[in-house]
Amino acid sequence: MPINLQFLGAAGTVTGSKYLLRAEGRQLLVDCGLFQGFKSLRLRNWAEPPFEPAEIAAVILTHAHIDHSGYLPVLVKRGFRGQIYCTEATSDLCHIMLPDSARLAEEDAERANRHGYTKHKPALPLYSERDAEAALRHIVTVPFHHEIKPIESLSVSLTPAGHILGAASVRVSNGQTSLVFSGDLGRYHDSIMRPPETVTSADFLVVESTYGNRHHEQTDPNRKLAEIIERTAKRGGTVIIPAFAVGRTQALLLSIARLKADGKISKDLPVYLNSPMAMDATDIYRRHRAEHRLSVAECEASCRVAKFVNSIEESKQLNESREPKILIAGSGMATGGRVVHHLAAFGPDPKSSIVFAGFQAGGTRGAAILAGASEVKIHGNYVPIRAEVFALSNLSAHADAGEILQWLHGFEHAPRRTFVTHGEPSAADALRLRIHDELGWEVHVPEHLEVAELESKGGRA
């Protein structure tokens, strides 16, 4: 019997990762993420899903980032009653990220209703914190390389993918046909995470293409970061760094700790971490030391370098203070969270700087600011952006085009067909062309909702 694969997200875009597998009358999801960015994409989160949630037998998560896990509370609310399989670290991170995502949605809805900048009467969150907690009760943890059978006809195993704690590539097999999902691939020389593990074979492959048309800068990111910080501090400004709470925040804290220790930036310059979720995530790094490169001393140094901001009152006080400082806050694409308030306070200040340390999906505030927008809409008002804007792409946790190809070179034989997903159209097509030209593989960029029949050898593909 063939495996039927449908692309329900991350096709033609870099968010909303969601793949539906059908085999012998049963259904399985690989990833269950939220769409982010352009409104046309975000509306998909609210639409009826193109499947019946109650009929999904199980979910396999590649990792905890919201564009891969954030739809789980909706799935459960709409009737899913199966199990969600993931690594232990992914489970730990989901236990802080999903409730946090719900709280932000509830706060945004409450603020929109209070200030009247919504067309909806009333504005409602996509899901509540109670919905998130309900989803977490379905999680079952699986060790790397341990084979499970989430449905009778399919076996599944997880392989380390780097990227963030717990991140995995997923191998699915029905005994005749194998399918591998790369998940989000990490980097081979990341400052924190170990490199992605080599995968040597698959009949069919789904590979991400977030940076499929780009190469990360080869310059030392710490040197550039030090220059930005010193330049901003000398003119009396604040350095705002929107950062993903898992991965980039920890890398930034480590970089800043090293820069202070080496005397590259002032040891007296205050550093604030204004992300309760990032504080919890940093603690999880201590518990999963086998998955990353940091020593105990480095973990402790990165935790000590910043003052953790716990309350909303403290956060507001930071906006009123005009002392030079570094402010790290979520979210990484400036779509919500406390960093949005900091951008409203310091974005109009030409003495300040905004530093992006990760990928900015089209349609997000981060992408608009990075593209040079003179103003962005925040909480119903247009805020001018006069601060200096920088991008540190080589601090990204995503493999670039060359590193993706390096991972693909680990395959001993060409997959019968490779599907390129999880990238903006230009990035996905660039990677498609490069895979075809350099490896000679059959490769395809699927459309949203496209279906592929993955036949066993001897049948059609």
Protein backbone atom coordinates (compact mmCIF):
# COMPACT_ATOMS: atom_id res chain seq x y z
CA MET A 1 0.00 0.00 0.00
CA PRO A 2 1.37 3.47 -0.86
CA ILE A 3 1.84 6.30 1.62
CA ASN A 4 -0.21 9.36 0.73
CA LEU A 5 1.51 12.68 1.60
CA GLN A 6 -0.34 16.01 1.63
CA PHE A 7 1.34 19.38 2.15
CA LEU A 8 -0.90 21.37 4.51
CA GLY A 9 1.67 24.00 5.52
CA ALA A 10 5.18 25.28 4.84
CA ALA A 11 4.50 24.97 1.10
CA GLY A 12 5.09 28.29 -0.64
CA THR A 13 5.90 29.82 2.75
CA VAL A 14 8.29 29.39 5.67
CA THR A 15 5.70 28.87 8.44
CA GLY A 16 2.74 26.64 9.27
CA SER A 17 4.67 23.37 9.01
CA LYS A 18 2.08 20.59 8.69
CA TYR A 19 2.19 17.34 6.69
CA LEU A 20 -0.62 14.79 6.54
CA LEU A 21 0.22 11.13 5.95
CA ARG A 22 -2.44 8.57 5.03
CA ALA A 23 -1.66 4.87 5.12
CA GLU A 24 -4.11 1.94 5.12
CA GLY A 25 -7.00 4.15 6.16
CA ARG A 26 -5.20 5.81 9.10
CA GLN A 27 -3.94 9.41 9.28
CA LEU A 28 -0.83 10.87 10.87
CA LEU A 29 0.44 14.47 11.10
CA VAL A 30 4.10 15.40 11.00
CA ASP A 31 4.30 18.83 12.67
CA CYS A 32 1.32 20.98 13.55
CA GLY A 33 2.47 24.60 13.29
CA LEU A 34 0.96 28.06 13.13
CA PHE A 35 1.09 30.20 10.01
CA GLN A 36 2.79 33.55 10.63
CA GLY A 37 3.44 36.67 8.57
CA PHE A 38 1.06 37.86 5.86
CA LYS A 39 -2.60 38.13 6.85
CA SER A 40 -3.63 35.74 4.08
CA LEU A 41 -1.45 33.11 5.76
CA ARG A 42 -2.55 33.91 9.32
CA LEU A 43 -6.19 33.50 8.30
CA ARG A 44 -5.46 29.82 7.60
CA ASN A 45 -5.04 29.36 11.37
CA TRP A 46 -8.70 30.32 11.82
CA ALA A 47 -10.13 28.37 8.89
CA GLU A 48 -11.56 24.85 9.08
CA PRO A 49 -8.61 22.48 8.61
CA PRO A 50 -8.60 20.38 5.41
CA PHE A 51 -8.93 17.22 7.53
CA GLU A 52 -11.03 16.04 10.46
CA PRO A 53 -8.94 16.45 13.67
CA ALA A 54 -10.77 13.60 15.40
CA GLU A 55 -9.59 11.25 12.63
CA ILE A 56 -5.89 12.01 13.13
CA ALA A 57 -4.37 9.04 14.97
CA ALA A 58 -1.16 10.76 16.11
CA VAL A 59 1.18 13.73 15.63
CA ILE A 60 4.98 13.62 15.29
CA LEU A 61 6.75 16.88 16.18
CA THR A 62 10.14 17.75 14.69
CA HIS A 63 10.69 20.49 17.29
CA ALA A 64 9.02 23.03 19.55
CA HIS A 65 9.10 26.29 17.57
CA ILE A 66 5.60 27.72 17.21
CA ASP A 67 5.57 27.47 13.41
CA HIS A 68 5.91 23.70 13.97
CA SER A 69 3.90 23.13 17.17
CA GLY A 70 1.63 26.15 17.66
CA TYR A 71 -1.53 24.69 16.09
CA LEU A 72 -1.65 21.78 18.56
CA PRO A 73 -4.06 23.53 20.98
CA VAL A 74 -6.46 24.19 18.08
CA LEU A 75 -6.14 20.58 16.94
CA VAL A 76 -7.08 19.29 20.40
CA LYS A 77 -9.86 21.86 20.79
CA ARG A 78 -11.34 20.65 17.49
CA GLY A 79 -11.44 17.01 18.54
CA PHE A 80 -7.98 15.38 18.27
CA ARG A 81 -7.64 12.63 20.90
CA GLY A 82 -4.44 10.85 19.86
CA GLN A 83 -0.87 11.10 21.11
CA ILE A 84 1.78 13.70 20.23
CA TYR A 85 5.23 12.12 19.92
CA CYS A 86 8.43 14.16 20.34
CA THR A 87 11.80 14.15 22.10
CA GLU A 88 12.05 14.93 25.80
CA ALA A 89 13.65 18.35 25.19
CA THR A 90 10.93 19.23 22.68
CA SER A 91 8.32 18.29 25.28
CA ASP A 92 10.04 20.47 27.91
CA LEU A 93 10.10 23.42 25.52
CA CYS A 94 6.49 22.92 24.41
CA HIS A 95 5.44 23.06 28.06
CA ILE A 96 6.65 26.67 28.20
CA MET A 97 6.11 27.77 24.59
CA LEU A 98 2.49 26.71 24.04
CA PRO A 99 1.09 28.31 27.22
CA ASP A 100 3.16 31.42 26.47
CA SER A 101 1.77 31.58 22.93
CA ALA A 102 -1.74 31.34 24.39
CA ARG A 103 -1.08 34.07 26.96
CA LEU A 104 0.20 36.41 24.26
CA ALA A 105 -2.89 35.75 22.13
CA GLU A 106 -5.16 36.40 25.10
CA GLU A 107 -3.29 39.60 26.01
CA ASP A 108 -3.41 40.85 22.42
CA ALA A 109 -7.16 40.23 22.23
CA GLU A 110 -7.77 41.93 25.57
CA ARG A 111 -5.67 44.96 24.56
CA ALA A 112 -7.41 45.24 21.18
CA ASN A 113 -10.82 45.18 22.88
CA ARG A 114 -9.76 47.68 25.54
CA HIS A 115 -8.33 50.18 23.06
CA GLY A 116 -10.86 49.54 20.29
CA TYR A 117 -8.40 48.90 17.42
CA THR A 118 -10.14 45.72 16.24
CA LYS A 119 -12.80 45.06 13.62
CA HIS A 120 -14.00 42.07 15.65
CA LYS A 121 -16.56 42.60 18.42
CA PRO A 122 -15.07 41.21 20.53
CA ALA A 123 -11.61 40.14 19.41
CA LEU A 124 -10.91 36.57 20.55
CA PRO A 125 -7.64 34.64 20.89
CA LEU A 126 -7.06 31.70 18.57
CA TYR A 127 -6.79 29.53 21.67
CA SER A 128 -6.60 29.94 25.44
CA GLU A 129 -4.01 28.90 27.98
CA ARG A 130 -6.44 26.17 29.04
CA ASP A 131 -6.45 24.88 25.43
CA ALA A 132 -2.64 24.83 25.45
CA GLU A 133 -2.55 22.88 28.73
CA ALA A 134 -5.03 20.38 27.28
CA ALA A 135 -2.76 19.82 24.26
CA LEU A 136 0.26 19.20 26.48
CA ARG A 137 -1.49 16.26 28.14
CA HIS A 138 -1.30 14.38 24.83
CA ILE A 139 2.51 14.49 24.60
CA VAL A 140 4.52 11.26 24.77
CA THR A 141 8.33 11.52 24.72
CA VAL A 142 10.53 9.35 22.50
CA PRO A 143 14.34 8.97 22.66
CA PHE A 144 16.39 9.65 19.54
CA HIS A 145 16.84 6.53 17.36
CA HIS A 146 14.04 4.66 19.16
CA GLU A 147 11.48 3.16 16.77
CA ILE A 148 7.79 3.62 17.53
CA LYS A 149 4.60 2.63 15.69
CA PRO A 150 2.15 5.52 16.08
CA ILE A 151 -0.20 3.64 13.75
CA GLU A 152 -0.10 -0.05 12.88
CA SER A 153 1.24 0.33 9.35
CA LEU A 154 3.97 2.93 9.97
CA SER A 155 7.16 2.91 12.04
CA VAL A 156 8.77 6.22 13.00
CA SER A 157 12.18 7.19 14.42
CA LEU A 158 13.82 10.53 15.25
CA THR A 159 17.37 11.67 14.45
CA PRO A 160 19.09 14.78 15.91
CA ALA A 161 18.76 17.75 13.52
CA GLY A 162 20.65 20.41 15.50
CA HIS A 163 18.79 23.74 15.25
CA ILE A 164 17.42 23.85 18.84
CA LEU A 165 17.17 21.47 21.78
CA GLY A 166 15.22 18.36 20.87
CA ALA A 167 15.02 19.16 17.16
CA ALA A 168 14.71 16.05 15.02
CA SER A 169 14.58 14.75 11.51
CA VAL A 170 11.77 12.20 11.17
CA ARG A 171 11.97 8.86 9.37
CA VAL A 172 8.70 7.14 8.46
CA SER A 173 8.50 3.66 6.92
CA ASN A 174 5.81 1.13 6.05
CA GLY A 175 8.38 -1.64 5.52
CA GLN A 176 8.53 -1.07 1.77
CA THR A 177 8.83 2.71 1.40
CA SER A 178 10.72 5.18 3.58
CA LEU A 179 10.12 8.92 3.88
CA VAL A 180 12.38 11.37 5.72
CA PHE A 181 11.44 14.86 6.88
CA SER A 182 14.54 16.96 7.53
CA GLY A 183 12.75 19.23 10.00
CA ASP A 184 14.64 22.49 10.52
CA LEU A 185 18.33 21.72 10.09
CA GLY A 186 20.91 23.26 12.37
CA ARG A 187 24.38 24.45 11.52
CA TYR A 188 27.64 22.53 11.52
CA HIS A 189 29.53 25.11 13.57
CA ASP A 190 26.80 26.62 15.72
CA SER A 191 28.02 28.25 18.94
CA ILE A 192 25.55 26.23 21.02
CA MET A 193 23.98 23.26 19.21
CA ARG A 194 25.72 20.15 17.97
CA PRO A 195 25.56 19.61 14.17
CA PRO A 196 22.70 17.73 12.50
CA GLU A 197 23.25 13.99 12.34
CA THR A 198 23.81 12.48 8.91
CA VAL A 199 20.91 10.62 7.31
CA THR A 200 22.11 8.12 4.73
CA SER A 201 18.99 6.90 2.95
CA ALA A 202 15.34 7.54 2.11
CA ASP A 203 13.07 6.63 -0.78
CA PHE A 204 11.43 10.06 -0.49
CA LEU A 205 12.68 13.21 1.24
CA VAL A 206 11.08 16.45 2.43
CA VAL A 207 13.79 19.06 3.03
CA GLU A 208 13.50 22.57 4.46
CA SER A 209 14.73 25.62 2.52
CA THR A 210 14.53 28.55 4.96
CA TYR A 211 17.90 29.86 3.77
CA GLY A 212 17.84 27.93 0.49
CA ASN A 213 19.00 30.96 -1.52
CA ARG A 214 21.45 32.44 0.97
CA HIS A 215 24.79 31.90 2.64
CA HIS A 216 25.44 33.16 6.14
CA GLU A 217 28.16 35.78 6.42
CA GLN A 218 31.59 34.38 7.18
CA THR A 219 32.53 37.33 9.38
CA ASP A 220 32.74 36.88 13.14
CA PRO A 221 29.25 37.70 14.47
CA ASN A 222 30.66 38.61 17.87
CA ARG A 223 32.89 41.26 16.36
CA LYS A 224 29.99 42.85 14.49
CA LEU A 225 27.75 42.64 17.54
CA ALA A 226 30.42 44.33 19.65
CA GLU A 227 30.73 47.15 17.10
CA ILE A 228 26.95 47.71 17.09
CA ILE A 229 26.72 47.69 20.89
CA GLU A 230 29.66 50.04 21.43
CA ARG A 231 28.53 52.43 18.70
CA THR A 232 25.00 52.60 20.11
CA ALA A 233 26.09 52.94 23.74
CA LYS A 234 28.50 55.79 22.94
CA ARG A 235 25.70 57.89 21.52
CA GLY A 236 23.46 57.10 24.51
CA GLY A 237 21.11 54.67 22.77
CA THR A 238 19.50 51.32 23.56
CA VAL A 239 20.20 48.14 21.60
CA ILE A 240 16.92 46.27 21.02
CA ILE A 241 17.32 42.63 20.00
CA PRO A 242 14.13 40.76 19.09
CA ALA A 243 15.14 37.15 19.73
CA PHE A 244 13.51 33.75 19.58
CA ALA A 245 13.28 32.58 23.19
CA VAL A 246 14.72 29.19 22.33
CA GLY A 247 18.10 29.09 20.63
CA ARG A 248 19.02 32.62 19.63
CA THR A 249 18.48 34.16 23.06
CA GLN A 250 20.90 31.69 24.61
CA ALA A 251 23.43 32.30 21.81
CA LEU A 252 23.16 36.06 22.29
CA LEU A 253 23.62 35.82 26.05
CA LEU A 254 26.70 33.67 25.51
CA SER A 255 28.12 36.12 22.95
CA ILE A 256 27.54 39.11 25.22
CA ALA A 257 29.10 37.29 28.19
CA ARG A 258 32.20 36.54 26.11
CA LEU A 259 32.41 40.11 24.78
CA LYS A 260 32.29 41.50 28.32
CA ALA A 261 34.85 38.97 29.57
CA ASP A 262 37.21 39.88 26.70
CA GLY A 263 36.74 43.63 27.23
CA LYS A 264 35.19 44.10 23.78
CA ILE A 265 32.18 45.89 25.30
CA SER A 266 31.85 47.69 28.60
CA LYS A 267 31.41 45.37 31.56
CA ASP A 268 29.16 48.00 33.13
CA LEU A 269 26.68 48.17 30.24
CA PRO A 270 23.37 46.80 31.58
CA VAL A 271 21.84 43.81 29.80
CA TYR A 272 18.17 42.91 30.29
CA LEU A 273 16.42 39.72 29.25
CA ASN A 274 12.75 40.66 29.05
CA SER A 275 11.22 37.31 28.17
CA PRO A 276 9.88 35.05 30.90
CA MET A 277 9.77 32.18 28.41
CA ALA A 278 13.44 32.63 27.54
CA MET A 279 14.34 32.46 31.22
CA ASP A 280 12.63 29.08 31.51
CA ALA A 281 14.15 27.91 28.22
CA THR A 282 17.64 28.81 29.43
CA ASP A 283 17.09 26.55 32.43
CA ILE A 284 16.12 23.70 30.07
CA TYR A 285 19.54 24.03 28.42
CA ARG A 286 21.04 23.12 31.78
CA ARG A 287 18.96 19.92 31.87
CA HIS A 288 19.84 18.74 28.35
CA ARG A 289 23.60 19.27 28.21
CA ALA A 290 24.23 16.22 26.00
CA GLU A 291 22.49 17.99 23.10
CA HIS A 292 24.60 21.15 23.05
CA ARG A 293 28.21 22.29 23.20
CA LEU A 294 28.09 24.51 26.29
CA SER A 295 30.01 23.65 29.42
CA VAL A 296 28.47 24.13 32.85
CA ALA A 297 30.59 27.28 33.25
CA GLU A 298 29.37 28.70 29.92
CA CYS A 299 25.76 27.96 30.84
CA GLU A 300 26.21 29.77 34.13
CA ALA A 301 28.03 32.72 32.52
CA SER A 302 25.27 33.22 29.95
CA CYS A 303 22.67 33.13 32.72
CA ARG A 304 24.52 35.69 34.85
CA VAL A 305 25.23 38.28 32.16
CA ALA A 306 21.65 39.61 32.00
CA LYS A 307 19.16 40.87 34.54
CA PHE A 308 15.94 38.91 34.13
CA VAL A 309 12.86 41.14 33.87
CA ASN A 310 9.92 39.45 35.56
CA SER A 311 7.09 41.94 35.81
CA ILE A 312 5.21 44.13 33.36
CA GLU A 313 6.01 47.10 35.64
CA GLU A 314 9.75 46.46 35.24
CA SER A 315 9.26 46.19 31.49
CA LYS A 316 7.50 49.56 31.38
CA GLN A 317 10.28 51.15 33.44
CA LEU A 318 12.84 50.01 30.87
CA ASN A 319 10.90 51.89 28.19
CA GLU A 320 11.04 55.07 30.26
CA SER A 321 14.75 54.77 31.00
CA ARG A 322 17.09 56.44 28.52
CA GLU A 323 20.34 54.98 29.90
CA PRO A 324 22.45 53.03 27.37
CA LYS A 325 21.57 49.32 27.63
CA ILE A 326 20.98 46.08 25.77
CA LEU A 327 17.41 44.81 25.72
CA ILE A 328 16.74 41.24 24.54
CA ALA A 329 13.06 40.32 24.27
CA GLY A 330 10.72 38.02 22.35
CA SER A 331 9.52 37.49 19.71
CA GLY A 332 12.22 36.98 17.10
CA MET A 333 10.16 38.38 14.20
CA ALA A 334 8.61 41.14 16.33
CA THR A 335 5.13 39.70 15.90
CA GLY A 336 4.17 39.96 19.57
CA GLY A 337 5.44 39.81 23.12
CA ARG A 338 7.27 42.44 25.13
CA VAL A 339 9.69 43.37 22.34
CA VAL A 340 6.84 45.10 20.50
CA HIS A 341 6.47 47.57 23.39
CA HIS A 342 10.24 48.20 23.30
CA LEU A 343 10.12 48.84 19.56
CA ALA A 344 7.33 51.37 20.11
CA ALA A 345 9.47 53.11 22.76
CA PHE A 346 12.89 53.03 21.07
CA GLY A 347 12.12 52.57 17.36
CA PRO A 348 11.65 56.35 16.90
CA ASP A 349 14.99 57.08 18.65
CA PRO A 350 17.86 57.65 16.16
CA LYS A 351 20.38 57.01 18.94
CA SER A 352 19.12 53.45 19.38
CA SER A 353 19.63 50.30 17.30
CA ILE A 354 17.48 47.29 16.37
CA VAL A 355 19.36 44.05 15.75
CA PHE A 356 17.73 41.01 14.13
CA ALA A 357 19.47 37.71 14.82
CA GLY A 358 17.18 35.28 13.00
CA PHE A 359 15.05 34.74 9.92
CA GLN A 360 12.28 37.28 9.27
CA ALA A 361 9.28 35.78 7.46
CA GLY A 362 7.50 37.94 4.89
CA GLY A 363 4.61 39.91 6.33
CA THR A 364 6.09 40.19 9.83
CA ARG A 365 7.10 43.44 11.54
CA GLY A 366 10.65 42.20 11.60
CA ALA A 367 10.72 41.73 7.83
CA ALA A 368 9.22 45.20 7.30
CA ILE A 369 11.74 46.91 9.58
CA LEU A 370 14.64 45.01 8.02
CA ALA A 371 13.44 46.05 4.56
CA GLY A 372 13.67 49.70 5.58
CA ALA A 373 10.08 50.56 6.52
CA SER A 374 9.87 54.14 7.78
CA GLU A 375 7.07 53.14 10.15
CA VAL A 376 5.30 50.00 11.37
CA LYS A 377 1.91 49.44 12.95
CA ILE A 378 2.01 48.57 16.65
CA HIS A 379 -1.15 48.17 18.72
CA GLY A 380 -3.23 50.15 16.26
CA ASN A 381 -0.79 53.05 15.85
CA TYR A 382 1.94 53.73 13.29
CA VAL A 383 5.35 54.03 14.95
CA PRO A 384 8.22 55.71 13.07
CA ILE A 385 11.45 53.70 12.80
CA ARG A 386 14.44 56.03 13.11
CA ALA A 387 16.73 53.66 15.00
CA GLU A 388 19.61 52.04 13.10
CA VAL A 389 18.68 48.55 11.88
CA PHE A 390 21.07 45.61 11.59
CA ALA A 391 20.84 41.92 10.66
CA LEU A 392 23.22 39.27 12.01
CA SER A 393 22.34 36.35 9.76
CA ASN A 394 25.34 34.33 10.89
CA LEU A 395 23.76 34.09 14.35
CA SER A 396 20.85 32.19 12.79
CA ALA A 397 20.12 28.65 14.01
CA HIS A 398 19.14 27.57 10.48
CA ALA A 399 21.50 25.87 8.06
CA ASP A 400 22.21 28.03 5.02
CA ALA A 401 22.12 26.76 1.43
CA GLY A 402 25.63 25.31 1.59
CA GLU A 403 24.98 23.57 4.89
CA ILE A 404 21.73 22.06 3.60
CA LEU A 405 23.68 20.68 0.63
CA GLN A 406 26.31 19.36 3.03
CA TRP A 407 23.59 17.43 4.88
CA LEU A 408 22.15 16.13 1.59
CA HIS A 409 25.58 14.86 0.55
CA GLY A 410 25.31 12.37 3.44
CA PHE A 411 22.78 10.32 1.47
CA GLU A 412 24.43 7.24 0.00
CA HIS A 413 21.86 7.03 -2.79
CA ALA A 414 19.57 9.64 -4.30
CA PRO A 415 16.01 9.61 -2.95
CA ARG A 416 13.52 8.68 -5.64
CA ARG A 417 11.98 12.14 -5.19
CA THR A 418 12.85 15.13 -3.02
CA PHE A 419 10.28 17.75 -1.99
CA VAL A 420 11.55 21.23 -1.05
CA THR A 421 9.39 22.98 1.54
CA HIS A 422 9.54 25.45 4.45
CA GLY A 423 10.92 28.39 2.48
CA GLU A 424 9.75 31.52 0.73
CA PRO A 425 9.16 30.79 -3.00
CA SER A 426 12.50 32.27 -4.10
CA ALA A 427 14.44 30.28 -1.49
CA ALA A 428 12.64 27.00 -2.21
CA ASP A 429 13.15 27.31 -5.97
CA ALA A 430 16.81 28.25 -5.61
CA LEU A 431 17.42 25.17 -3.49
CA ARG A 432 15.45 23.01 -5.94
CA LEU A 433 17.66 24.14 -8.78
CA ARG A 434 20.85 23.63 -6.79
CA ILE A 435 19.88 20.11 -5.72
CA HIS A 436 19.05 19.23 -9.33
CA ASP A 437 22.24 20.72 -10.75
CA GLU A 438 24.72 19.59 -8.08
CA LEU A 439 23.28 16.22 -7.06
CA GLY A 440 21.24 15.28 -10.12
CA TRP A 441 18.23 14.34 -7.98
CA GLU A 442 14.59 14.47 -9.00
CA VAL A 443 13.29 17.42 -7.00
CA HIS A 444 9.99 19.26 -6.73
CA VAL A 445 8.59 22.29 -4.88
CA PRO A 446 5.01 21.37 -3.84
CA GLU A 447 2.04 23.74 -3.71
CA HIS A 448 -0.19 24.25 -0.68
CA LEU A 449 -2.61 21.28 -0.31
CA GLU A 450 -0.79 19.27 -3.03
CA VAL A 451 -0.96 15.49 -2.65
CA ALA A 452 1.80 13.01 -3.52
CA GLU A 453 1.42 9.22 -3.73
CA LEU A 454 4.59 7.58 -2.46
CA GLU A 455 4.55 4.18 -4.13
CA SER A 456 6.87 1.33 -3.14
CA LYS A 457 9.64 0.40 -5.57
CA GLY A 458 8.23 -0.98 -8.78
CA GLY A 459 5.17 1.26 -8.56
CA ARG A 460 4.77 4.82 -9.71
CA ALA A 461 5.90 7.77 -7.59
